[in-house]
C-alpha atoms as a PDB file:
ATOM      1  CA  MET A   1      50.125 -47.792  49.418  1.00  0.00           C
ATOM      2  CA  ALA A   2      50.508 -43.990  48.988  1.00  0.00           C
ATOM      3  CA  ALA A   3      51.447 -44.578  45.285  1.00  0.00           C
ATOM      4  CA  ALA A   4      48.144 -46.485  44.760  1.00  0.00           C
ATOM      5  CA  ALA A   5      46.186 -43.618  46.432  1.00  0.00           C
ATOM      6  CA  LEU A   6      47.742 -41.101  44.207  1.00  0.00           C
ATOM      7  CA  GLU A   7      47.248 -43.118  41.053  1.00  0.00           C
ATOM      8  CA  SER A   8      43.552 -43.375  42.113  1.00  0.00           C
ATOM      9  CA  ARG A   9      43.361 -39.638  42.558  1.00  0.00           C
ATOM     10  CA  LEU A  10      44.903 -39.200  39.067  1.00  0.00           C
ATOM     11  CA  GLY A  11      42.543 -41.843  37.506  1.00  0.00           C
ATOM     12  CA  TYR A  12      45.509 -43.617  36.000  1.00  0.00           C
ATOM     13  CA  ARG A  13      47.463 -46.780  37.083  1.00  0.00           C
ATOM     14  CA  PHE A  14      50.974 -46.787  35.837  1.00  0.00           C
ATOM     15  CA  ARG A  15      52.332 -49.931  33.869  1.00  0.00           C
ATOM     16  CA  ARG A  16      55.818 -48.641  34.470  1.00  0.00           C
ATOM     17  CA  PRO A  17      56.067 -47.738  38.024  1.00  0.00           C
ATOM     18  CA  GLU A  18      59.627 -46.328  37.475  1.00  0.00           C
ATOM     19  CA  LEU A  19      58.168 -43.536  35.439  1.00  0.00           C
ATOM     20  CA  PHE A  20      55.783 -42.699  38.399  1.00  0.00           C
ATOM     21  CA  GLN A  21      58.879 -42.588  40.696  1.00  0.00           C
ATOM     22  CA  GLN A  22      60.869 -40.439  38.460  1.00  0.00           C
ATOM     23  CA  ALA A  23      58.189 -37.898  38.038  1.00  0.00           C
ATOM     24  CA  LEU A  24      58.214 -37.372  41.776  1.00  0.00           C
ATOM     25  CA  THR A  25      62.053 -37.042  41.907  1.00  0.00           C
ATOM     26  CA  HIS A  26      63.507 -33.644  42.118  1.00  0.00           C
ATOM     27  CA  ARG A  27      66.933 -32.981  40.557  1.00  0.00           C
ATOM     28  CA  SER A  28      68.358 -32.364  44.186  1.00  0.00           C
ATOM     29  CA  PHE A  29      67.657 -36.099  44.925  1.00  0.00           C
ATOM     30  CA  ALA A  30      68.921 -38.029  41.984  1.00  0.00           C
ATOM     31  CA  ALA A  31      70.467 -37.664  38.417  1.00  0.00           C
ATOM     32  CA  ASP A  32      67.474 -39.622  37.026  1.00  0.00           C
ATOM     33  CA  ASN A  33      64.946 -36.938  37.946  1.00  0.00           C
ATOM     34  CA  ASN A  34      61.673 -35.343  36.611  1.00  0.00           C
ATOM     35  CA  GLU A  35      63.084 -32.626  34.439  1.00  0.00           C
ATOM     36  CA  ARG A  36      62.639 -34.299  31.076  1.00  0.00           C
ATOM     37  CA  LEU A  37      59.227 -35.559  32.092  1.00  0.00           C
ATOM     38  CA  GLU A  38      58.452 -31.974  33.181  1.00  0.00           C
ATOM     39  CA  PHE A  39      59.338 -30.823  29.705  1.00  0.00           C
ATOM     40  CA  ILE A  40      56.962 -33.141  27.834  1.00  0.00           C
ATOM     41  CA  GLY A  41      54.312 -32.748  30.517  1.00  0.00           C
ATOM     42  CA  ASP A  42      54.289 -28.986  30.138  1.00  0.00           C
ATOM     43  CA  GLY A  43      53.664 -29.392  26.296  1.00  0.00           C
ATOM     44  CA  LEU A  44      50.994 -31.977  27.084  1.00  0.00           C
ATOM     45  CA  LEU A  45      49.238 -29.924  29.603  1.00  0.00           C
ATOM     46  CA  GLY A  46      48.998 -27.057  27.346  1.00  0.00           C
ATOM     47  CA  CYS A  47      47.552 -29.122  24.577  1.00  0.00           C
ATOM     48  CA  ALA A  48      45.090 -31.039  26.852  1.00  0.00           C
ATOM     49  CA  ILE A  49      43.811 -27.920  28.508  1.00  0.00           C
ATOM     50  CA  ALA A  50      43.399 -26.236  25.057  1.00  0.00           C
ATOM     51  CA  GLU A  51      41.423 -29.312  23.748  1.00  0.00           C
ATOM     52  CA  GLU A  52      39.184 -29.171  26.786  1.00  0.00           C
ATOM     53  CA  LEU A  53      38.531 -25.495  26.517  1.00  0.00           C
ATOM     54  CA  PHE A  54      37.856 -25.812  22.781  1.00  0.00           C
ATOM     55  CA  GLN A  55      35.324 -28.524  23.468  1.00  0.00           C
ATOM     56  CA  ARG A  56      33.693 -26.724  26.326  1.00  0.00           C
ATOM     57  CA  PHE A  57      33.417 -23.403  24.857  1.00  0.00           C
ATOM     58  CA  PRO A  58      32.708 -23.504  21.146  1.00  0.00           C
ATOM     59  CA  GLN A  59      31.523 -19.804  21.182  1.00  0.00           C
ATOM     60  CA  LEU A  60      34.759 -18.392  22.579  1.00  0.00           C
ATOM     61  CA  ALA A  61      37.303 -16.619  20.387  1.00  0.00           C
ATOM     62  CA  GLU A  62      40.857 -17.671  20.242  1.00  0.00           C
ATOM     63  CA  GLY A  63      42.133 -14.828  22.563  1.00  0.00           C
ATOM     64  CA  ARG A  64      39.669 -15.673  25.339  1.00  0.00           C
ATOM     65  CA  LEU A  65      40.491 -19.381  25.008  1.00  0.00           C
ATOM     66  CA  THR A  66      44.321 -18.459  25.283  1.00  0.00           C
ATOM     67  CA  ARG A  67      43.718 -16.373  28.402  1.00  0.00           C
ATOM     68  CA  PHE A  68      41.743 -19.266  30.086  1.00  0.00           C
ATOM     69  CA  ARG A  69      44.551 -21.670  29.168  1.00  0.00           C
ATOM     70  CA  SER A  70      47.165 -19.349  30.464  1.00  0.00           C
ATOM     71  CA  GLU A  71      45.231 -19.044  33.808  1.00  0.00           C
ATOM     72  CA  LEU A  72      44.786 -22.861  34.162  1.00  0.00           C
ATOM     73  CA  VAL A  73      48.358 -23.733  33.592  1.00  0.00           C
ATOM     74  CA  ARG A  74      50.257 -21.047  35.550  1.00  0.00           C
ATOM     75  CA  ARG A  75      52.589 -22.020  38.422  1.00  0.00           C
ATOM     76  CA  GLU A  76      50.237 -21.119  41.251  1.00  0.00           C
ATOM     77  CA  ARG A  77      47.410 -23.063  39.760  1.00  0.00           C
ATOM     78  CA  LEU A  78      49.613 -26.225  39.154  1.00  0.00           C
ATOM     79  CA  ALA A  79      50.855 -25.943  42.738  1.00  0.00           C
ATOM     80  CA  ALA A  80      47.194 -25.852  43.922  1.00  0.00           C
ATOM     81  CA  ILE A  81      46.536 -28.988  41.726  1.00  0.00           C
ATOM     82  CA  ALA A  82      49.592 -30.598  43.345  1.00  0.00           C
ATOM     83  CA  GLU A  83      48.071 -29.984  46.883  1.00  0.00           C
ATOM     84  CA  SER A  84      44.668 -31.242  45.748  1.00  0.00           C
ATOM     85  CA  LEU A  85      46.373 -34.495  44.699  1.00  0.00           C
ATOM     86  CA  GLU A  86      48.269 -34.694  47.982  1.00  0.00           C
ATOM     87  CA  LEU A  87      51.478 -34.726  46.112  1.00  0.00           C
ATOM     88  CA  ARG A  88      53.715 -33.050  48.610  1.00  0.00           C
ATOM     89  CA  PRO A  89      54.457 -36.134  50.883  1.00  0.00           C
ATOM     90  CA  GLU A  90      55.309 -38.108  47.689  1.00  0.00           C
ATOM     91  CA  LEU A  91      58.003 -35.993  46.404  1.00  0.00           C
ATOM     92  CA  ARG A  92      61.612 -37.152  46.529  1.00  0.00           C
ATOM     93  CA  LEU A  93      63.822 -34.226  47.449  1.00  0.00           C
ATOM     94  CA  GLY A  94      67.444 -33.781  48.402  1.00  0.00           C
ATOM     95  CA  SER A  95      68.264 -33.026  52.101  1.00  0.00           C
ATOM     96  CA  GLY A  96      67.808 -29.397  52.840  1.00  0.00           C
ATOM     97  CA  VAL A  97      65.464 -28.664  49.933  1.00  0.00           C
ATOM     98  CA  HIS A  98      62.091 -27.207  50.864  1.00  0.00           C
ATOM     99  CA  VAL A  99      58.986 -27.797  48.811  1.00  0.00           C
ATOM    100  CA  THR A 100      58.166 -24.548  46.803  1.00  0.00           C
ATOM    101  CA  PRO A 101      55.181 -23.795  44.505  1.00  0.00           C
ATOM    102  CA  ALA A 102      57.639 -24.229  41.529  1.00  0.00           C
ATOM    103  CA  ILE A 103      58.638 -27.658  42.724  1.00  0.00           C
ATOM    104  CA  LEU A 104      54.999 -28.618  43.202  1.00  0.00           C
ATOM    105  CA  ALA A 105      54.049 -27.287  39.781  1.00  0.00           C
ATOM    106  CA  ASN A 106      57.003 -29.004  38.082  1.00  0.00           C
ATOM    107  CA  ALA A 107      56.009 -32.332  39.645  1.00  0.00           C
ATOM    108  CA  VAL A 108      52.407 -32.092  38.415  1.00  0.00           C
ATOM    109  CA  GLU A 109      53.723 -31.454  34.897  1.00  0.00           C
ATOM    110  CA  ALA A 110      56.177 -34.378  35.165  1.00  0.00           C
ATOM    111  CA  LEU A 111      53.280 -36.704  36.326  1.00  0.00           C
ATOM    112  CA  PHE A 112      51.268 -35.677  33.261  1.00  0.00           C
ATOM    113  CA  GLY A 113      54.416 -36.207  31.144  1.00  0.00           C
ATOM    114  CA  ALA A 114      55.067 -39.643  32.785  1.00  0.00           C
ATOM    115  CA  ILE A 115      51.348 -40.735  32.044  1.00  0.00           C
ATOM    116  CA  PHE A 116      51.780 -39.636  28.409  1.00  0.00           C
ATOM    117  CA  ILE A 117      54.892 -41.726  27.969  1.00  0.00           C
ATOM    118  CA  ASP A 118      53.422 -44.675  29.876  1.00  0.00           C
ATOM    119  CA  GLY A 119      49.897 -44.687  28.396  1.00  0.00           C
ATOM    120  CA  GLY A 120      49.665 -42.294  25.585  1.00  0.00           C
ATOM    121  CA  TYR A 121      47.805 -39.031  24.887  1.00  0.00           C
ATOM    122  CA  GLU A 122      44.298 -40.185  25.802  1.00  0.00           C
ATOM    123  CA  ALA A 123      45.421 -41.482  29.124  1.00  0.00           C
ATOM    124  CA  ALA A 124      47.265 -38.213  29.895  1.00  0.00           C
ATOM    125  CA  ARG A 125      44.343 -36.118  28.622  1.00  0.00           C
ATOM    126  CA  ALA A 126      41.991 -37.972  30.902  1.00  0.00           C
ATOM    127  CA  ALA A 127      44.295 -37.541  33.871  1.00  0.00           C
ATOM    128  CA  VAL A 128      44.387 -33.712  33.195  1.00  0.00           C
ATOM    129  CA  ALA A 129      40.780 -33.707  32.991  1.00  0.00           C
ATOM    130  CA  THR A 130      40.483 -35.558  36.243  1.00  0.00           C
ATOM    131  CA  ALA A 131      42.928 -33.284  38.067  1.00  0.00           C
ATOM    132  CA  TYR A 132      41.322 -30.116  36.681  1.00  0.00           C
ATOM    133  CA  GLY A 133      37.734 -31.339  36.854  1.00  0.00           C
ATOM    134  CA  GLU A 134      36.413 -28.856  39.398  1.00  0.00           C
ATOM    135  CA  LEU A 135      38.329 -25.990  37.975  1.00  0.00           C
ATOM    136  CA  LEU A 136      37.002 -26.704  34.327  1.00  0.00           C
ATOM    137  CA  ALA A 137      33.447 -27.058  35.684  1.00  0.00           C
ATOM    138  CA  ALA A 138      33.769 -23.856  37.452  1.00  0.00           C
ATOM    139  CA  LEU A 139      34.897 -21.631  34.402  1.00  0.00           C
ATOM    140  CA  ASP A 140      32.724 -18.868  33.451  1.00  0.00           C
ATOM    141  CA  PRO A 141      33.035 -17.905  29.896  1.00  0.00           C
ATOM    142  CA  ARG A 142      31.820 -14.346  30.789  1.00  0.00           C
ATOM    143  CA  ALA A 143      34.507 -13.761  33.379  1.00  0.00           C
ATOM    144  CA  GLU A 144      37.244 -11.215  32.850  1.00  0.00           C
ATOM    145  CA  LEU A 145      40.630 -13.016  32.944  1.00  0.00           C
ATOM    146  CA  LYS A 146      42.912 -10.339  31.583  1.00  0.00           C
ATOM    147  CA  ASP A 147      46.008  -9.755  33.763  1.00  0.00           C
ATOM    148  CA  HIS A 148      46.643  -6.236  35.011  1.00  0.00           C
ATOM    149  CA  LYS A 149      49.452  -5.743  32.481  1.00  0.00           C
ATOM    150  CA  SER A 150      47.395  -6.736  29.568  1.00  0.00           C
ATOM    151  CA  ARG A 151      44.368  -4.626  30.724  1.00  0.00           C
ATOM    152  CA  LEU A 152      46.564  -1.502  31.079  1.00  0.00           C
ATOM    153  CA  GLN A 153      48.157  -2.271  27.606  1.00  0.00           C
ATOM    154  CA  GLU A 154      44.650  -2.391  25.917  1.00  0.00           C
ATOM    155  CA  LEU A 155      43.405   0.748  27.826  1.00  0.00           C
ATOM    156  CA  MET A 156      46.489   2.709  26.520  1.00  0.00           C
ATOM    157  CA  GLN A 157      46.037   1.429  23.056  1.00  0.00           C
ATOM    158  CA  ALA A 158      42.342   2.379  23.047  1.00  0.00           C
ATOM    159  CA  GLN A 159      43.310   5.837  24.008  1.00  0.00           C
ATOM    160  CA  GLY A 160      45.840   6.117  21.210  1.00  0.00           C
ATOM    161  CA  ARG A 161      48.603   6.407  23.704  1.00  0.00           C
ATOM    162  CA  LYS A 162      52.167   4.851  23.742  1.00  0.00           C
ATOM    163  CA  PRO A 163      52.285   1.487  25.599  1.00  0.00           C
ATOM    164  CA  PRO A 164      53.630   1.555  29.110  1.00  0.00           C
ATOM    165  CA  GLN A 165      57.248   1.004  29.744  1.00  0.00           C
ATOM    166  CA  TYR A 166      58.176  -1.581  32.650  1.00  0.00           C
ATOM    167  CA  ARG A 167      61.425  -1.642  34.685  1.00  0.00           C
ATOM    168  CA  VAL A 168      62.356  -4.188  37.199  1.00  0.00           C
ATOM    169  CA  ILE A 169      63.261  -2.311  40.517  1.00  0.00           C
ATOM    170  CA  GLY A 170      63.795  -5.203  42.781  1.00  0.00           C
ATOM    171  CA  LYS A 171      63.737  -8.944  43.213  1.00  0.00           C
ATOM    172  CA  GLN A 172      63.737 -11.216  46.149  1.00  0.00           C
ATOM    173  CA  GLY A 173      63.549 -14.873  47.121  1.00  0.00           C
ATOM    174  CA  PRO A 174      65.498 -18.030  45.881  1.00  0.00           C
ATOM    175  CA  ASP A 175      66.225 -18.530  42.222  1.00  0.00           C
ATOM    176  CA  ASN A 176      63.597 -21.137  41.874  1.00  0.00           C
ATOM    177  CA  ASP A 177      60.838 -18.892  43.352  1.00  0.00           C
ATOM    178  CA  LEU A 178      61.673 -15.203  42.574  1.00  0.00           C
ATOM    179  CA  ARG A 179      59.371 -12.249  43.173  1.00  0.00           C
ATOM    180  CA  PHE A 180      59.790  -9.106  41.198  1.00  0.00           C
ATOM    181  CA  GLU A 181      58.893  -5.484  41.980  1.00  0.00           C
ATOM    182  CA  VAL A 182      58.331  -3.582  38.763  1.00  0.00           C
ATOM    183  CA  SER A 183      57.677   0.046  38.009  1.00  0.00           C
ATOM    184  CA  CYS A 184      55.352   1.129  35.307  1.00  0.00           C
ATOM    185  CA  LEU A 185      56.016   4.369  33.305  1.00  0.00           C
ATOM    186  CA  ILE A 186      53.290   6.013  31.361  1.00  0.00           C
ATOM    187  CA  ALA A 187      54.086   8.794  28.948  1.00  0.00           C
ATOM    188  CA  GLU A 188      52.109  12.017  29.240  1.00  0.00           C
END
């Protein structure tokens, strides 16, 4: 029953249910897990989002399209997509493994990969468009999407200065969800 509801939210019904199950299976649960599907889903997602952006915003230059795509496929965004699809209760995890944003993001990519293998590019592209529908509709091509690092880099370049140097000064969290503290050195 839950599988049918998730398929409905994705707008796709699997012909091969084993691919659906594999996409939701973390490596801690079974050897036949979602990592390979995640690999192909990652590539498929980038392509499908690029195509959507290309069609929706014919006036935008490549750099702006790239920044939009990067924003839409980052881990936090994928984890939010997973939550909107109500994916969390469907995940198959080994005992003691807790759901992290990385696990959610990987499962979404694996689902898109499984749809691609099961039904081809058009089916997968349509599922991506369905999952991202509200986000894509809300995109404002005038919005400033540059991350802080890129903005600083461009500011330094515009002033004819050397680019900043970055150094990792700390990290915390488990390997699959690390957070870094970085210092930024700017030459006088």
